Amino acid sequence: MTEFLNVGKIVNTQGIKGEVRVISKTDFSEERYKKGKELFLFQEDKKPITLTIKSHRKHKNFDILSFEGHPNINDVEKYRDGILKISKEDVGKLEENAFYYHEIIGLEVFDEENKSLGTIKEILSPGANDVWVIGQNQKGKKDILIPYIESVVKSVDIENKKVTVEIPEGLIDDEN
């Protein structure tokens, strides 16, 4: 069975010419939304359908897409809240020390003393670098936010599901 990875969510239509607004979940929107590429649309209680990209542009924080054979708003309105995915085979290779979100989320994080801090549950992209959100193992403890930078993230071992970090002084509030 084919495995699929989320690349975006259709949140609304854009204009009347069959365009949709997408909140992207990919670092590679230029590649993912290239004219002629196929995406799979998943909607609740419906079979996934294949859509072929006709056009892509950026507008504010959205990726604006149109699809082959969907020339007006009536053709795409029904896709609102649908999740756009690619098959895992379409992922492609990354450069060294670059990872896909699905590879990082769920990894266990250890400090320099090999003490488990928790599990990566989310990745934020606020600006210059990604921030990994670590859900701590102890109940009632706040999430730890660590920047994905060389001085903090020392090693990422996808195979063994382990990340080793060096936490700078003051990054973790001991009282949380």
N, C-alpha and C. Protein backbone atom coordinates (compact mmCIF):
# COMPACT_ATOMS: atom_id res chain seq x y z
N MET A 1 0.84 -1.20 0.00
CA MET A 1 0.00 0.00 0.00
C MET A 1 0.88 1.25 0.00
N THR A 2 0.51 2.23 -0.79
CA THR A 2 1.28 3.46 -0.89
C THR A 2 1.13 4.29 0.38
N GLU A 3 2.25 4.85 0.82
CA GLU A 3 2.22 5.75 1.96
C GLU A 3 2.24 7.18 1.44
N PHE A 4 1.48 8.07 2.08
CA PHE A 4 1.38 9.45 1.61
C PHE A 4 1.89 10.42 2.67
N LEU A 5 2.42 11.54 2.21
CA LEU A 5 2.91 12.59 3.11
C LEU A 5 2.19 13.89 2.81
N ASN A 6 1.80 14.58 3.88
CA ASN A 6 1.05 15.82 3.80
C ASN A 6 1.95 16.95 3.28
N VAL A 7 1.50 17.66 2.23
CA VAL A 7 2.25 18.83 1.75
C VAL A 7 1.46 20.13 1.93
N GLY A 8 0.15 20.04 2.20
CA GLY A 8 -0.62 21.27 2.40
C GLY A 8 -2.09 21.00 2.64
N LYS A 9 -2.78 22.07 3.02
CA LYS A 9 -4.22 21.99 3.27
C LYS A 9 -4.90 23.10 2.49
N ILE A 10 -5.95 22.74 1.77
CA ILE A 10 -6.75 23.73 1.05
C ILE A 10 -7.65 24.42 2.08
N VAL A 11 -7.46 25.72 2.26
CA VAL A 11 -8.25 26.43 3.28
C VAL A 11 -9.37 27.27 2.69
N ASN A 12 -9.27 27.57 1.38
CA ASN A 12 -10.31 28.39 0.78
C ASN A 12 -10.11 28.44 -0.73
N THR A 13 -11.08 29.08 -1.40
CA THR A 13 -10.91 29.36 -2.82
C THR A 13 -10.25 30.73 -2.93
N GLN A 14 -9.74 31.05 -4.12
CA GLN A 14 -9.11 32.35 -4.38
C GLN A 14 -9.66 32.85 -5.70
N GLY A 15 -10.47 33.90 -5.65
CA GLY A 15 -11.06 34.43 -6.88
C GLY A 15 -12.08 33.47 -7.46
N ILE A 16 -12.38 33.66 -8.77
CA ILE A 16 -13.43 32.84 -9.40
C ILE A 16 -12.88 31.92 -10.49
N LYS A 17 -11.57 31.91 -10.69
CA LYS A 17 -10.99 31.14 -11.81
C LYS A 17 -10.44 29.78 -11.40
N GLY A 18 -11.00 29.18 -10.34
CA GLY A 18 -10.62 27.82 -9.99
C GLY A 18 -9.35 27.71 -9.16
N GLU A 19 -8.92 28.82 -8.56
CA GLU A 19 -7.72 28.75 -7.71
C GLU A 19 -8.11 28.45 -6.27
N VAL A 20 -7.20 27.80 -5.55
CA VAL A 20 -7.40 27.52 -4.13
C VAL A 20 -6.23 28.06 -3.32
N ARG A 21 -6.54 28.44 -2.08
CA ARG A 21 -5.51 28.89 -1.13
C ARG A 21 -5.05 27.67 -0.34
N VAL A 22 -3.74 27.50 -0.28
CA VAL A 22 -3.18 26.35 0.42
C VAL A 22 -2.24 26.85 1.52
N ILE A 23 -2.41 26.30 2.73
CA ILE A 23 -1.41 26.50 3.77
C ILE A 23 -0.45 25.34 3.61
N SER A 24 0.76 25.68 3.23
CA SER A 24 1.75 24.67 2.87
C SER A 24 2.39 24.03 4.09
N LYS A 25 2.67 22.73 3.99
CA LYS A 25 3.36 21.98 5.03
C LYS A 25 4.64 21.39 4.45
N THR A 26 5.20 22.07 3.45
CA THR A 26 6.40 21.58 2.80
C THR A 26 7.43 22.70 2.70
N ASP A 27 8.69 22.33 2.79
CA ASP A 27 9.76 23.30 2.60
C ASP A 27 10.07 23.50 1.12
N PHE A 28 9.41 22.71 0.26
CA PHE A 28 9.77 22.69 -1.15
C PHE A 28 8.58 23.05 -2.03
N SER A 29 7.90 24.16 -1.72
CA SER A 29 6.68 24.48 -2.46
C SER A 29 6.94 24.67 -3.95
N GLU A 30 8.07 25.26 -4.34
CA GLU A 30 8.36 25.45 -5.76
C GLU A 30 8.42 24.11 -6.48
N GLU A 31 8.99 23.12 -5.83
CA GLU A 31 9.11 21.77 -6.40
C GLU A 31 7.78 21.02 -6.34
N ARG A 32 7.13 21.05 -5.19
CA ARG A 32 5.89 20.28 -4.98
C ARG A 32 4.74 20.76 -5.87
N TYR A 33 4.69 22.08 -6.11
CA TYR A 33 3.55 22.66 -6.81
C TYR A 33 3.90 23.06 -8.25
N LYS A 34 4.91 22.42 -8.80
CA LYS A 34 5.33 22.71 -10.17
C LYS A 34 4.24 22.28 -11.15
N LYS A 35 4.06 23.07 -12.21
CA LYS A 35 3.06 22.75 -13.25
C LYS A 35 3.28 21.32 -13.74
N GLY A 36 2.18 20.54 -13.79
CA GLY A 36 2.24 19.17 -14.27
C GLY A 36 2.42 18.13 -13.16
N LYS A 37 2.80 18.57 -11.95
CA LYS A 37 2.98 17.62 -10.83
C LYS A 37 1.61 17.13 -10.37
N GLU A 38 1.59 15.90 -9.86
CA GLU A 38 0.35 15.33 -9.33
C GLU A 38 0.35 15.36 -7.82
N LEU A 39 -0.78 15.75 -7.27
CA LEU A 39 -1.02 15.71 -5.82
C LEU A 39 -2.25 14.85 -5.59
N PHE A 40 -2.32 14.31 -4.40
CA PHE A 40 -3.49 13.51 -4.04
C PHE A 40 -4.28 14.30 -3.01
N LEU A 41 -5.58 14.44 -3.27
CA LEU A 41 -6.46 15.17 -2.36
C LEU A 41 -7.21 14.18 -1.49
N PHE A 42 -7.04 14.35 -0.18
CA PHE A 42 -7.72 13.50 0.79
C PHE A 42 -8.78 14.33 1.50
N GLN A 43 -10.00 13.81 1.52
CA GLN A 43 -11.10 14.46 2.22
C GLN A 43 -11.82 13.42 3.05
N GLU A 44 -12.37 13.88 4.17
CA GLU A 44 -13.07 12.96 5.06
C GLU A 44 -14.19 12.22 4.34
N ASP A 45 -14.27 10.92 4.59
CA ASP A 45 -15.33 10.06 4.04
C ASP A 45 -15.37 10.02 2.51
N LYS A 46 -14.25 10.35 1.83
CA LYS A 46 -14.20 10.28 0.37
C LYS A 46 -12.94 9.56 -0.05
N LYS A 47 -13.00 8.95 -1.21
CA LYS A 47 -11.80 8.32 -1.78
C LYS A 47 -10.84 9.43 -2.22
N PRO A 48 -9.52 9.23 -2.03
CA PRO A 48 -8.56 10.24 -2.50
C PRO A 48 -8.67 10.41 -4.02
N ILE A 49 -8.47 11.64 -4.49
CA ILE A 49 -8.46 11.88 -5.94
C ILE A 49 -7.12 12.49 -6.33
N THR A 50 -6.77 12.31 -7.59
CA THR A 50 -5.51 12.85 -8.10
C THR A 50 -5.80 14.18 -8.80
N LEU A 51 -5.01 15.19 -8.46
CA LEU A 51 -5.13 16.50 -9.09
C LEU A 51 -3.78 16.85 -9.73
N THR A 52 -3.83 17.41 -10.94
CA THR A 52 -2.61 17.82 -11.64
C THR A 52 -2.50 19.34 -11.56
N ILE A 53 -1.36 19.83 -11.14
CA ILE A 53 -1.13 21.27 -10.97
C ILE A 53 -1.14 21.97 -12.33
N LYS A 54 -1.94 23.02 -12.43
CA LYS A 54 -1.98 23.84 -13.64
C LYS A 54 -1.14 25.11 -13.43
N SER A 55 -1.25 25.69 -12.23
CA SER A 55 -0.46 26.89 -11.93
C SER A 55 -0.20 26.99 -10.43
N HIS A 56 0.85 27.74 -10.09
CA HIS A 56 1.22 27.97 -8.69
C HIS A 56 1.80 29.37 -8.58
N ARG A 57 1.39 30.07 -7.53
CA ARG A 57 1.98 31.37 -7.20
C ARG A 57 1.87 31.56 -5.70
N LYS A 58 2.66 32.49 -5.19
CA LYS A 58 2.62 32.82 -3.77
C LYS A 58 1.77 34.08 -3.61
N HIS A 59 1.01 34.12 -2.52
CA HIS A 59 0.23 35.32 -2.19
C HIS A 59 0.12 35.40 -0.67
N LYS A 60 0.72 36.42 -0.10
CA LYS A 60 0.79 36.56 1.36
C LYS A 60 1.40 35.28 1.94
N ASN A 61 0.74 34.63 2.90
CA ASN A 61 1.29 33.40 3.50
C ASN A 61 0.77 32.14 2.83
N PHE A 62 0.13 32.28 1.68
CA PHE A 62 -0.50 31.13 1.03
C PHE A 62 0.22 30.75 -0.26
N ASP A 63 0.05 29.50 -0.64
CA ASP A 63 0.39 29.05 -1.98
C ASP A 63 -0.94 28.99 -2.71
N ILE A 64 -1.01 29.64 -3.86
CA ILE A 64 -2.24 29.65 -4.65
C ILE A 64 -2.05 28.67 -5.80
N LEU A 65 -2.94 27.67 -5.86
CA LEU A 65 -2.84 26.63 -6.87
C LEU A 65 -4.09 26.60 -7.73
N SER A 66 -3.90 26.19 -8.99
CA SER A 66 -5.05 25.81 -9.81
C SER A 66 -4.73 24.44 -10.39
N PHE A 67 -5.78 23.71 -10.76
CA PHE A 67 -5.63 22.33 -11.21
C PHE A 67 -6.18 22.17 -12.63
N GLU A 68 -5.57 21.26 -13.39
CA GLU A 68 -6.03 20.93 -14.74
C GLU A 68 -7.50 20.51 -14.66
N GLY A 69 -8.31 21.01 -15.60
CA GLY A 69 -9.71 20.61 -15.68
C GLY A 69 -10.61 21.22 -14.62
N HIS A 70 -10.12 22.25 -13.91
CA HIS A 70 -10.91 22.91 -12.87
C HIS A 70 -10.86 24.43 -13.11
N PRO A 71 -11.55 24.91 -14.18
CA PRO A 71 -11.40 26.31 -14.58
C PRO A 71 -12.14 27.35 -13.75
N ASN A 72 -13.06 26.94 -12.87
CA ASN A 72 -13.74 27.99 -12.10
C ASN A 72 -14.00 27.59 -10.65
N ILE A 73 -14.46 28.56 -9.90
CA ILE A 73 -14.64 28.40 -8.44
C ILE A 73 -15.55 27.22 -8.11
N ASN A 74 -16.56 26.97 -8.94
CA ASN A 74 -17.49 25.86 -8.66
C ASN A 74 -16.81 24.50 -8.71
N ASP A 75 -15.73 24.40 -9.49
CA ASP A 75 -15.02 23.12 -9.61
C ASP A 75 -14.17 22.80 -8.38
N VAL A 76 -13.75 23.84 -7.65
CA VAL A 76 -12.81 23.61 -6.54
C VAL A 76 -13.38 23.88 -5.15
N GLU A 77 -14.55 24.50 -5.10
CA GLU A 77 -15.16 24.83 -3.82
C GLU A 77 -15.31 23.59 -2.92
N LYS A 78 -15.64 22.47 -3.54
CA LYS A 78 -15.85 21.21 -2.80
C LYS A 78 -14.57 20.66 -2.19
N TYR A 79 -13.41 21.20 -2.58
CA TYR A 79 -12.12 20.70 -2.06
C TYR A 79 -11.68 21.40 -0.78
N ARG A 80 -12.44 22.41 -0.34
CA ARG A 80 -12.07 23.15 0.86
C ARG A 80 -11.88 22.20 2.05
N ASP A 81 -10.86 22.45 2.84
CA ASP A 81 -10.46 21.64 4.00
C ASP A 81 -9.85 20.30 3.62
N GLY A 82 -9.63 20.09 2.33
CA GLY A 82 -8.97 18.86 1.89
C GLY A 82 -7.46 18.94 2.15
N ILE A 83 -6.85 17.79 2.35
CA ILE A 83 -5.42 17.71 2.59
C ILE A 83 -4.73 17.25 1.31
N LEU A 84 -3.73 18.00 0.87
CA LEU A 84 -2.97 17.64 -0.31
C LEU A 84 -1.75 16.82 0.11
N LYS A 85 -1.54 15.69 -0.58
CA LYS A 85 -0.44 14.81 -0.21
C LYS A 85 0.32 14.37 -1.46
N ILE A 86 1.53 13.89 -1.22
CA ILE A 86 2.32 13.26 -2.28
C ILE A 86 2.59 11.83 -1.83
N SER A 87 2.91 10.97 -2.79
CA SER A 87 3.27 9.62 -2.37
C SER A 87 4.69 9.67 -1.84
N LYS A 88 4.99 8.81 -0.90
CA LYS A 88 6.30 8.82 -0.24
C LYS A 88 7.43 8.62 -1.25
N GLU A 89 7.16 7.92 -2.35
CA GLU A 89 8.18 7.70 -3.38
C GLU A 89 8.61 9.01 -4.05
N ASP A 90 7.75 10.03 -4.03
CA ASP A 90 8.06 11.32 -4.68
C ASP A 90 8.91 12.24 -3.82
N VAL A 91 9.33 11.77 -2.67
CA VAL A 91 10.00 12.64 -1.72
C VAL A 91 11.33 13.18 -2.24
N GLY A 92 12.18 12.34 -2.79
CA GLY A 92 13.47 12.83 -3.29
C GLY A 92 14.52 12.90 -2.20
N LYS A 93 15.76 13.07 -2.60
CA LYS A 93 16.90 13.11 -1.66
C LYS A 93 17.15 14.53 -1.18
N LEU A 94 17.61 14.63 0.06
CA LEU A 94 17.97 15.92 0.65
C LEU A 94 19.49 15.99 0.81
N GLU A 95 19.97 17.23 0.97
CA GLU A 95 21.40 17.38 1.24
C GLU A 95 21.70 16.89 2.66
N GLU A 96 22.98 16.73 2.96
CA GLU A 96 23.39 16.23 4.27
C GLU A 96 22.89 17.17 5.38
N ASN A 97 22.51 16.59 6.51
CA ASN A 97 21.98 17.32 7.67
C ASN A 97 20.66 18.05 7.39
N ALA A 98 19.94 17.61 6.38
CA ALA A 98 18.59 18.12 6.12
C ALA A 98 17.65 16.92 6.23
N PHE A 99 16.48 17.16 6.82
CA PHE A 99 15.56 16.06 7.08
C PHE A 99 14.14 16.48 6.74
N TYR A 100 13.33 15.50 6.43
CA TYR A 100 11.90 15.76 6.26
C TYR A 100 11.24 15.76 7.63
N TYR A 101 10.20 16.57 7.77
CA TYR A 101 9.49 16.66 9.05
C TYR A 101 9.07 15.29 9.55
N HIS A 102 8.54 14.45 8.65
CA HIS A 102 8.03 13.14 9.08
C HIS A 102 9.15 12.26 9.63
N GLU A 103 10.42 12.54 9.28
CA GLU A 103 11.54 11.76 9.81
C GLU A 103 11.91 12.21 11.22
N ILE A 104 11.68 13.47 11.53
CA ILE A 104 12.10 14.07 12.80
C ILE A 104 11.03 13.90 13.89
N ILE A 105 9.77 14.14 13.52
CA ILE A 105 8.69 14.05 14.51
C ILE A 105 8.61 12.63 15.04
N GLY A 106 8.62 12.51 16.37
CA GLY A 106 8.56 11.19 17.01
C GLY A 106 9.91 10.70 17.50
N LEU A 107 11.01 11.39 17.12
CA LEU A 107 12.33 10.96 17.60
C LEU A 107 12.49 11.35 19.06
N GLU A 108 13.23 10.52 19.80
CA GLU A 108 13.50 10.80 21.21
C GLU A 108 14.75 11.68 21.30
N VAL A 109 14.71 12.66 22.20
CA VAL A 109 15.81 13.61 22.35
C VAL A 109 16.56 13.37 23.65
N PHE A 110 17.88 13.31 23.55
CA PHE A 110 18.75 13.08 24.71
C PHE A 110 19.73 14.23 24.85
N ASP A 111 20.08 14.56 26.12
CA ASP A 111 21.08 15.60 26.35
C ASP A 111 22.49 14.99 26.33
N GLU A 112 23.49 15.83 26.63
CA GLU A 112 24.89 15.39 26.59
C GLU A 112 25.16 14.21 27.53
N GLU A 113 24.42 14.11 28.63
CA GLU A 113 24.61 13.01 29.59
C GLU A 113 23.76 11.78 29.24
N ASN A 114 23.18 11.78 28.04
CA ASN A 114 22.34 10.70 27.55
C ASN A 114 21.05 10.53 28.37
N LYS A 115 20.58 11.64 28.95
CA LYS A 115 19.31 11.65 29.68
C LYS A 115 18.21 12.05 28.71
N SER A 116 17.13 11.26 28.68
CA SER A 116 16.03 11.55 27.76
C SER A 116 15.29 12.82 28.19
N LEU A 117 15.11 13.73 27.23
CA LEU A 117 14.36 14.96 27.49
C LEU A 117 12.90 14.82 27.07
N GLY A 118 12.64 13.94 26.13
CA GLY A 118 11.28 13.77 25.63
C GLY A 118 11.30 13.43 24.16
N THR A 119 10.17 13.64 23.49
CA THR A 119 10.01 13.28 22.09
C THR A 119 9.62 14.50 21.27
N ILE A 120 10.18 14.60 20.08
CA ILE A 120 9.83 15.73 19.20
C ILE A 120 8.40 15.52 18.71
N LYS A 121 7.55 16.53 19.01
CA LYS A 121 6.15 16.38 18.64
C LYS A 121 5.71 17.36 17.55
N GLU A 122 6.55 18.36 17.27
CA GLU A 122 6.16 19.37 16.30
C GLU A 122 7.40 20.13 15.86
N ILE A 123 7.35 20.71 14.64
CA ILE A 123 8.43 21.55 14.16
C ILE A 123 7.83 22.89 13.76
N LEU A 124 8.37 23.96 14.32
CA LEU A 124 7.91 25.31 14.01
C LEU A 124 8.92 25.95 13.07
N SER A 125 8.44 26.81 12.17
CA SER A 125 9.33 27.53 11.25
C SER A 125 9.11 29.02 11.39
N PRO A 126 9.55 29.60 12.52
CA PRO A 126 9.26 31.01 12.77
C PRO A 126 10.12 31.99 11.98
N GLY A 127 11.25 31.55 11.44
CA GLY A 127 12.11 32.50 10.74
C GLY A 127 13.41 31.88 10.30
N ALA A 128 14.51 32.38 10.85
CA ALA A 128 15.85 31.99 10.40
C ALA A 128 16.10 30.49 10.46
N ASN A 129 15.65 29.83 11.52
CA ASN A 129 15.84 28.39 11.62
C ASN A 129 14.60 27.74 12.25
N ASP A 130 14.47 26.44 12.00
CA ASP A 130 13.35 25.70 12.58
C ASP A 130 13.53 25.58 14.08
N VAL A 131 12.42 25.41 14.78
CA VAL A 131 12.43 25.17 16.22
C VAL A 131 11.71 23.84 16.44
N TRP A 132 12.39 22.94 17.14
CA TRP A 132 11.81 21.63 17.44
C TRP A 132 11.13 21.68 18.79
N VAL A 133 9.87 21.22 18.85
CA VAL A 133 9.09 21.22 20.08
C VAL A 133 9.19 19.81 20.68
N ILE A 134 9.76 19.74 21.89
CA ILE A 134 9.95 18.46 22.56
C ILE A 134 8.94 18.34 23.68
N GLY A 135 8.08 17.33 23.58
CA GLY A 135 7.13 17.04 24.65
C GLY A 135 7.88 16.26 25.72
N GLN A 136 7.94 16.80 26.94
CA GLN A 136 8.69 16.14 28.01
C GLN A 136 7.98 14.89 28.51
N ASN A 137 8.78 13.96 29.02
CA ASN A 137 8.26 12.66 29.47
C ASN A 137 7.43 12.76 30.75
N GLN A 138 7.74 13.76 31.58
CA GLN A 138 7.02 13.86 32.87
C GLN A 138 5.75 14.67 32.72
N LYS A 139 4.68 14.18 33.32
CA LYS A 139 3.39 14.86 33.27
C LYS A 139 3.50 16.24 33.92
N GLY A 140 2.82 17.20 33.32
CA GLY A 140 2.77 18.55 33.89
C GLY A 140 3.96 19.42 33.51
N LYS A 141 4.95 18.86 32.82
CA LYS A 141 6.12 19.64 32.41
C LYS A 141 5.82 20.31 31.07
N LYS A 142 6.27 21.55 30.92
CA LYS A 142 6.07 22.29 29.67
C LYS A 142 6.94 21.72 28.56
N ASP A 143 6.54 21.97 27.33
CA ASP A 143 7.35 21.57 26.18
C ASP A 143 8.67 22.32 26.20
N ILE A 144 9.70 21.67 25.65
CA ILE A 144 11.00 22.32 25.49
C ILE A 144 11.11 22.74 24.03
N LEU A 145 11.52 23.97 23.79
CA LEU A 145 11.73 24.46 22.42
C LEU A 145 13.22 24.56 22.18
N ILE A 146 13.71 23.84 21.15
CA ILE A 146 15.13 23.95 20.84
C ILE A 146 15.30 24.39 19.38
N PRO A 147 16.22 25.33 19.15
CA PRO A 147 16.47 25.75 17.77
C PRO A 147 17.25 24.67 17.03
N TYR A 148 16.91 24.45 15.77
CA TYR A 148 17.67 23.48 14.97
C TYR A 148 18.89 24.20 14.40
N ILE A 149 19.93 24.28 15.25
CA ILE A 149 21.20 24.88 14.85
C ILE A 149 22.32 23.95 15.30
N GLU A 150 23.46 24.03 14.60
CA GLU A 150 24.58 23.13 14.84
C GLU A 150 25.07 23.12 16.28
N SER A 151 25.06 24.28 16.92
CA SER A 151 25.59 24.34 18.29
C SER A 151 24.68 23.66 19.31
N VAL A 152 23.42 23.41 18.96
CA VAL A 152 22.47 22.77 19.88
C VAL A 152 22.22 21.31 19.49
N VAL A 153 21.86 21.07 18.23
CA VAL A 153 21.57 19.71 17.77
C VAL A 153 22.89 19.07 17.32
N LYS A 154 23.39 18.14 18.13
CA LYS A 154 24.69 17.54 17.87
C LYS A 154 24.62 16.36 16.90
N SER A 155 23.58 15.53 17.01
CA SER A 155 23.44 14.43 16.07
C SER A 155 21.98 14.03 15.91
N VAL A 156 21.66 13.59 14.71
CA VAL A 156 20.32 13.09 14.40
C VAL A 156 20.51 11.70 13.80
N ASP A 157 19.98 10.70 14.49
CA ASP A 157 20.11 9.32 14.04
C ASP A 157 18.70 8.81 13.73
N ILE A 158 18.31 8.97 12.45
CA ILE A 158 16.96 8.59 12.02
C ILE A 158 16.72 7.10 12.26
N GLU A 159 17.72 6.28 11.91
CA GLU A 159 17.57 4.83 12.02
C GLU A 159 17.25 4.38 13.45
N ASN A 160 17.95 4.96 14.43
CA ASN A 160 17.74 4.57 15.83
C ASN A 160 16.77 5.50 16.56
N LYS A 161 16.15 6.40 15.81
CA LYS A 161 15.14 7.34 16.35
C LYS A 161 15.66 8.13 17.55
N LYS A 162 16.89 8.68 17.39
CA LYS A 162 17.53 9.37 18.51
C LYS A 162 18.18 10.67 18.06
N VAL A 163 17.96 11.72 18.85
CA VAL A 163 18.59 13.01 18.62
C VAL A 163 19.39 13.35 19.87
N THR A 164 20.63 13.81 19.67
CA THR A 164 21.45 14.24 20.80
C THR A 164 21.62 15.75 20.71
N VAL A 165 21.36 16.42 21.84
CA VAL A 165 21.45 17.88 21.86
C VAL A 165 22.34 18.35 23.00
N GLU A 166 22.87 19.53 22.83
CA GLU A 166 23.62 20.21 23.89
C GLU A 166 22.82 21.46 24.23
N ILE A 167 22.22 21.44 25.40
CA ILE A 167 21.31 22.52 25.79
C ILE A 167 22.10 23.70 26.37
N PRO A 168 22.03 24.88 25.76
CA PRO A 168 22.70 26.04 26.32
C PRO A 168 22.09 26.44 27.67
N GLU A 169 22.90 27.00 28.52
CA GLU A 169 22.47 27.46 29.85
C GLU A 169 21.22 28.33 29.71
N GLY A 170 20.19 28.04 30.50
CA GLY A 170 18.99 28.88 30.54
C GLY A 170 17.93 28.53 29.50
N LEU A 171 18.22 27.59 28.60
CA LEU A 171 17.23 27.25 27.57
C LEU A 171 16.06 26.48 28.16
N ILE A 172 16.35 25.60 29.12
CA ILE A 172 15.28 24.85 29.77
C ILE A 172 15.07 25.46 31.16
N ASP A 173 13.82 25.82 31.41
CA ASP A 173 13.46 26.36 32.72
C ASP A 173 13.22 25.16 33.64
N ASP A 174 14.10 24.98 34.61
CA ASP A 174 14.02 23.81 35.51
C ASP A 174 12.73 23.76 36.33
N GLU A 175 12.07 24.88 36.46
CA GLU A 175 10.86 24.89 37.29
C GLU A 175 9.60 24.55 36.52
N ASN A 176 9.70 24.36 35.20
CA ASN A 176 8.46 24.12 34.46
C ASN A 176 8.06 22.71 34.58
